[in-house]
């Protein structure tokens, strides 16, 4: 994986709940749609009276791995970082 580029910008996400777990299908950042092939990792961070859930996702079609995050208080998603996948 290449060096991560930190971004912290809003994204639009298509996801669903499967067996009480969030499954991200794809997300849109700018004019690009990223198809998520694999959710690699997940963790939660407290944020005031709420929490933020972070996900590491792989998007091989676009050749990137990304960290995205969901804020449970304001119900918004953001892309935190992006790095190139090694072929």
Foldseek 3Di string as FASTA:
>chain_A
DADKDFDWAFKAWDWDADPNDIGTQWIDDDHDIFGFPDWDDWDWDDDVPWIKIWIWTDRVVVQKIWIKIATPPVRTITTGIIDGHDD
